[in-house]
Amino acid sequence: MLELRPSCEHCNKALPPASAEARICSFECTFCAICVDTVLGNVCPNCGGGFAARPVRPAQDRQGGNFLGRYPASTTVRHRPVDPAAHAAFRASLEDVPPDAR
């Protein structure tokens, strides 16, 4: 079950459960699309993986009780701003490795 973290780990922008701006890596590190594109360069600072759009959990029970009311989003904020210089060096080390091969 995805945790649906409430905000961008870098800039702390709110990313509510229905946000189309949320991006996650395979470990559910959560960032906004702007930070992924402009600061991170599609490289997760925590694991080195790439990002994908976070799916939206249905707000209403359409089938089987699988909805936001039964499985609410997390309220735990993980605000860990990225050091741009350190991340640039990390990102450079992965420059020749496509996201699906990291």
N, C-alpha and C. Protein backbone atom coordinates (compact mmCIF):
# COMPACT_ATOMS: atom_id res chain seq x y z
N MET A 1 0.85 -1.17 0.00
CA MET A 1 0.00 0.00 0.00
C MET A 1 0.90 1.24 0.00
N LEU A 2 0.74 2.10 -0.98
CA LEU A 2 1.52 3.34 -1.02
C LEU A 2 1.20 4.22 0.18
N GLU A 3 2.22 4.84 0.71
CA GLU A 3 2.08 5.70 1.89
C GLU A 3 1.39 7.04 1.56
N LEU A 4 1.53 7.52 0.35
CA LEU A 4 0.99 8.83 -0.07
C LEU A 4 1.46 9.93 0.88
N ARG A 5 2.75 10.20 0.84
CA ARG A 5 3.33 11.24 1.71
C ARG A 5 2.77 12.60 1.35
N PRO A 6 2.64 13.48 2.35
CA PRO A 6 1.88 14.72 2.17
C PRO A 6 2.60 15.89 1.50
N SER A 7 3.93 15.78 1.32
CA SER A 7 4.64 16.94 0.77
C SER A 7 5.94 16.53 0.11
N CYS A 8 6.49 17.48 -0.65
CA CYS A 8 7.78 17.29 -1.32
C CYS A 8 8.88 17.27 -0.26
N GLU A 9 9.74 16.29 -0.34
CA GLU A 9 10.83 16.18 0.63
C GLU A 9 11.83 17.33 0.50
N HIS A 10 11.94 17.93 -0.68
CA HIS A 10 12.91 19.01 -0.88
C HIS A 10 12.31 20.38 -0.53
N CYS A 11 11.26 20.78 -1.19
CA CYS A 11 10.73 22.15 -1.01
C CYS A 11 9.55 22.23 -0.05
N ASN A 12 9.05 21.08 0.38
CA ASN A 12 7.94 20.98 1.33
C ASN A 12 6.60 21.43 0.75
N LYS A 13 6.49 21.50 -0.57
CA LYS A 13 5.22 21.83 -1.21
C LYS A 13 4.19 20.76 -0.87
N ALA A 14 2.98 21.17 -0.56
CA ALA A 14 1.91 20.22 -0.25
C ALA A 14 1.58 19.37 -1.47
N LEU A 15 1.47 18.07 -1.26
CA LEU A 15 1.12 17.13 -2.31
C LEU A 15 -0.03 16.26 -1.79
N PRO A 16 -1.24 16.79 -1.83
CA PRO A 16 -2.39 16.03 -1.33
C PRO A 16 -2.59 14.74 -2.13
N PRO A 17 -3.37 13.82 -1.62
CA PRO A 17 -3.53 12.51 -2.26
C PRO A 17 -3.90 12.55 -3.74
N ALA A 18 -4.63 13.56 -4.18
CA ALA A 18 -5.05 13.63 -5.58
C ALA A 18 -4.11 14.47 -6.44
N SER A 19 -2.96 14.86 -5.92
CA SER A 19 -2.05 15.72 -6.67
C SER A 19 -1.43 15.01 -7.87
N ALA A 20 -1.52 15.67 -9.00
CA ALA A 20 -0.88 15.16 -10.21
C ALA A 20 0.59 15.59 -10.26
N GLU A 21 1.01 16.40 -9.30
CA GLU A 21 2.38 16.90 -9.23
C GLU A 21 3.32 15.98 -8.48
N ALA A 22 2.81 14.99 -7.77
CA ALA A 22 3.65 14.11 -6.94
C ALA A 22 4.42 13.11 -7.79
N ARG A 23 5.70 12.95 -7.45
CA ARG A 23 6.55 11.96 -8.09
C ARG A 23 7.16 11.09 -7.00
N ILE A 24 7.28 9.78 -7.27
CA ILE A 24 7.86 8.87 -6.30
C ILE A 24 8.90 7.97 -6.96
N CYS A 25 9.85 7.51 -6.14
CA CYS A 25 10.79 6.49 -6.60
C CYS A 25 10.26 5.15 -6.08
N SER A 26 10.98 4.08 -6.30
CA SER A 26 10.48 2.77 -5.89
C SER A 26 10.46 2.60 -4.37
N PHE A 27 11.12 3.49 -3.64
CA PHE A 27 11.08 3.45 -2.17
C PHE A 27 10.08 4.45 -1.61
N GLU A 28 9.28 5.04 -2.49
CA GLU A 28 8.25 6.02 -2.14
C GLU A 28 8.81 7.37 -1.68
N CYS A 29 10.08 7.63 -1.95
CA CYS A 29 10.59 8.98 -1.70
C CYS A 29 9.71 9.88 -2.55
N THR A 30 9.25 10.98 -1.99
CA THR A 30 8.23 11.79 -2.64
C THR A 30 8.72 13.22 -2.86
N PHE A 31 8.62 13.66 -4.10
CA PHE A 31 9.03 15.00 -4.48
C PHE A 31 8.00 15.58 -5.45
N CYS A 32 7.96 16.90 -5.58
CA CYS A 32 7.06 17.51 -6.56
C CYS A 32 7.73 17.45 -7.93
N ALA A 33 6.93 17.56 -8.97
CA ALA A 33 7.43 17.47 -10.34
C ALA A 33 8.47 18.54 -10.64
N ILE A 34 8.29 19.72 -10.11
CA ILE A 34 9.24 20.81 -10.36
C ILE A 34 10.61 20.47 -9.79
N CYS A 35 10.66 19.97 -8.55
CA CYS A 35 11.95 19.60 -7.95
C CYS A 35 12.59 18.43 -8.69
N VAL A 36 11.79 17.45 -9.10
CA VAL A 36 12.33 16.30 -9.85
C VAL A 36 12.97 16.77 -11.14
N ASP A 37 12.31 17.70 -11.83
CA ASP A 37 12.82 18.17 -13.12
C ASP A 37 13.96 19.17 -13.01
N THR A 38 13.86 20.11 -12.07
CA THR A 38 14.83 21.21 -12.03
C THR A 38 15.97 21.03 -11.04
N VAL A 39 15.75 20.34 -9.95
CA VAL A 39 16.78 20.18 -8.93
C VAL A 39 17.41 18.79 -8.98
N LEU A 40 16.57 17.78 -9.12
CA LEU A 40 17.04 16.40 -9.00
C LEU A 40 17.42 15.75 -10.32
N GLY A 41 16.94 16.27 -11.43
CA GLY A 41 17.27 15.69 -12.73
C GLY A 41 16.85 14.23 -12.86
N ASN A 42 15.72 13.89 -12.27
CA ASN A 42 15.16 12.53 -12.29
C ASN A 42 16.07 11.50 -11.62
N VAL A 43 16.84 11.95 -10.62
CA VAL A 43 17.68 11.04 -9.83
C VAL A 43 17.30 11.22 -8.37
N CYS A 44 16.79 10.17 -7.76
CA CYS A 44 16.41 10.25 -6.35
C CYS A 44 17.66 10.46 -5.50
N PRO A 45 17.68 11.48 -4.64
CA PRO A 45 18.86 11.73 -3.82
C PRO A 45 19.06 10.69 -2.73
N ASN A 46 18.04 9.89 -2.47
CA ASN A 46 18.12 8.89 -1.40
C ASN A 46 18.56 7.52 -1.89
N CYS A 47 18.20 7.16 -3.14
CA CYS A 47 18.52 5.81 -3.62
C CYS A 47 19.16 5.79 -5.01
N GLY A 48 19.09 6.90 -5.73
CA GLY A 48 19.67 6.95 -7.07
C GLY A 48 18.73 6.49 -8.18
N GLY A 49 17.56 6.04 -7.81
CA GLY A 49 16.58 5.60 -8.80
C GLY A 49 15.91 6.76 -9.52
N GLY A 50 15.08 6.42 -10.48
CA GLY A 50 14.31 7.43 -11.20
C GLY A 50 12.94 7.61 -10.56
N PHE A 51 12.16 8.51 -11.10
CA PHE A 51 10.85 8.83 -10.56
C PHE A 51 9.73 8.51 -11.55
N ALA A 52 8.56 8.30 -11.00
CA ALA A 52 7.34 8.10 -11.78
C ALA A 52 6.24 8.90 -11.11
N ALA A 53 5.21 9.21 -11.87
CA ALA A 53 4.06 9.91 -11.29
C ALA A 53 3.43 9.03 -10.22
N ARG A 54 3.10 9.63 -9.08
CA ARG A 54 2.43 8.87 -8.01
C ARG A 54 0.98 8.67 -8.39
N PRO A 55 0.47 7.43 -8.31
CA PRO A 55 -0.94 7.20 -8.62
C PRO A 55 -1.85 7.87 -7.61
N VAL A 56 -3.05 8.17 -8.05
CA VAL A 56 -4.05 8.78 -7.17
C VAL A 56 -4.92 7.68 -6.58
N ARG A 57 -5.06 7.68 -5.27
CA ARG A 57 -5.95 6.72 -4.62
C ARG A 57 -7.38 7.23 -4.73
N PRO A 58 -8.32 6.40 -5.14
CA PRO A 58 -9.70 6.87 -5.29
C PRO A 58 -10.25 7.47 -3.99
N ALA A 59 -10.94 8.59 -4.10
CA ALA A 59 -11.53 9.25 -2.93
C ALA A 59 -12.82 8.56 -2.49
N GLN A 60 -13.48 7.88 -3.43
CA GLN A 60 -14.74 7.21 -3.13
C GLN A 60 -14.58 5.70 -3.27
N ASP A 61 -15.37 4.97 -2.51
CA ASP A 61 -15.35 3.52 -2.60
C ASP A 61 -16.11 3.09 -3.85
N ARG A 62 -15.37 2.72 -4.86
CA ARG A 62 -15.98 2.29 -6.11
C ARG A 62 -16.08 0.76 -6.18
N GLN A 63 -15.20 0.10 -5.41
CA GLN A 63 -15.23 -1.36 -5.41
C GLN A 63 -14.35 -1.91 -4.29
N GLY A 64 -14.88 -2.79 -3.50
CA GLY A 64 -14.10 -3.55 -2.54
C GLY A 64 -13.54 -2.79 -1.35
N GLY A 65 -13.99 -1.59 -1.10
CA GLY A 65 -13.48 -0.83 0.04
C GLY A 65 -12.09 -0.27 -0.14
N ASN A 66 -11.61 -0.25 -1.37
CA ASN A 66 -10.27 0.28 -1.65
C ASN A 66 -10.35 1.75 -2.02
N PHE A 67 -10.30 2.59 -0.99
CA PHE A 67 -10.40 4.03 -1.23
C PHE A 67 -9.72 4.80 -0.10
N LEU A 68 -9.58 6.08 -0.30
CA LEU A 68 -8.87 6.96 0.62
C LEU A 68 -9.47 6.95 2.03
N GLY A 69 -10.78 6.83 2.13
CA GLY A 69 -11.42 6.81 3.45
C GLY A 69 -11.01 5.61 4.29
N ARG A 70 -10.79 4.51 3.65
CA ARG A 70 -10.38 3.30 4.37
C ARG A 70 -8.87 3.22 4.53
N TYR A 71 -8.16 3.71 3.55
CA TYR A 71 -6.69 3.71 3.56
C TYR A 71 -6.20 5.15 3.37
N PRO A 72 -6.20 5.94 4.44
CA PRO A 72 -5.85 7.36 4.33
C PRO A 72 -4.38 7.60 4.01
N ALA A 73 -4.13 8.77 3.48
CA ALA A 73 -2.76 9.18 3.18
C ALA A 73 -2.00 9.45 4.48
N SER A 74 -0.70 9.38 4.40
CA SER A 74 0.15 9.67 5.55
C SER A 74 0.07 11.16 5.90
N THR A 75 0.28 11.47 7.15
CA THR A 75 0.37 12.86 7.58
C THR A 75 1.78 13.20 8.06
N THR A 76 2.69 12.25 7.96
CA THR A 76 4.06 12.44 8.41
C THR A 76 4.87 13.16 7.34
N VAL A 77 5.32 14.36 7.65
CA VAL A 77 6.11 15.16 6.72
C VAL A 77 7.57 14.74 6.82
N ARG A 78 8.21 14.56 5.67
CA ARG A 78 9.63 14.24 5.60
C ARG A 78 10.31 15.35 4.81
N HIS A 79 10.60 16.44 5.48
CA HIS A 79 11.22 17.59 4.83
C HIS A 79 12.74 17.46 5.00
N ARG A 80 13.40 17.03 3.92
CA ARG A 80 14.85 16.84 3.94
C ARG A 80 15.42 17.51 2.70
N PRO A 81 15.59 18.84 2.74
CA PRO A 81 16.09 19.54 1.55
C PRO A 81 17.41 18.95 1.05
N VAL A 82 17.54 18.91 -0.24
CA VAL A 82 18.71 18.34 -0.90
C VAL A 82 19.79 19.41 -1.03
N ASP A 83 21.02 19.04 -0.77
CA ASP A 83 22.16 19.94 -1.00
C ASP A 83 22.44 19.90 -2.51
N PRO A 84 22.19 21.02 -3.21
CA PRO A 84 22.32 21.02 -4.67
C PRO A 84 23.71 20.59 -5.17
N ALA A 85 24.78 21.04 -4.51
CA ALA A 85 26.13 20.70 -4.97
C ALA A 85 26.41 19.21 -4.77
N ALA A 86 26.06 18.68 -3.63
CA ALA A 86 26.27 17.25 -3.37
C ALA A 86 25.43 16.41 -4.32
N HIS A 87 24.20 16.86 -4.58
CA HIS A 87 23.35 16.08 -5.48
C HIS A 87 23.86 16.15 -6.92
N ALA A 88 24.39 17.28 -7.32
CA ALA A 88 24.94 17.40 -8.68
C ALA A 88 26.07 16.39 -8.88
N ALA A 89 26.92 16.20 -7.87
CA ALA A 89 28.01 15.23 -7.97
C ALA A 89 27.45 13.81 -8.02
N PHE A 90 26.46 13.53 -7.18
CA PHE A 90 25.83 12.20 -7.17
C PHE A 90 25.18 11.92 -8.51
N ARG A 91 24.44 12.90 -9.00
CA ARG A 91 23.76 12.77 -10.29
C ARG A 91 24.75 12.54 -11.43
N ALA A 92 25.88 13.24 -11.39
CA ALA A 92 26.91 13.10 -12.42
C ALA A 92 27.47 11.67 -12.44
N SER A 93 27.54 11.06 -11.27
CA SER A 93 28.07 9.69 -11.21
C SER A 93 27.12 8.69 -11.87
N LEU A 94 25.87 9.08 -12.05
CA LEU A 94 24.86 8.21 -12.66
C LEU A 94 24.47 8.67 -14.06
N GLU A 95 25.15 9.63 -14.57
CA GLU A 95 24.82 10.28 -15.83
C GLU A 95 24.66 9.30 -17.00
N ASP A 96 25.48 8.29 -17.05
CA ASP A 96 25.43 7.35 -18.19
C ASP A 96 24.54 6.13 -17.93
N VAL A 97 23.83 6.14 -16.81
CA VAL A 97 22.97 5.00 -16.47
C VAL A 97 21.52 5.44 -16.57
N PRO A 98 20.75 4.87 -17.51
CA PRO A 98 19.34 5.26 -17.64
C PRO A 98 18.55 4.87 -16.39
N PRO A 99 17.48 5.59 -16.10
CA PRO A 99 16.69 5.32 -14.89
C PRO A 99 16.25 3.86 -14.74
N ASP A 100 15.93 3.21 -15.84
CA ASP A 100 15.46 1.82 -15.74
C ASP A 100 16.59 0.81 -15.51
N ALA A 101 17.83 1.28 -15.54
CA ALA A 101 18.97 0.40 -15.29
C ALA A 101 19.68 0.71 -13.98
N ARG A 102 19.14 1.68 -13.24
CA ARG A 102 19.79 2.03 -11.97
C ARG A 102 19.44 1.05 -10.95
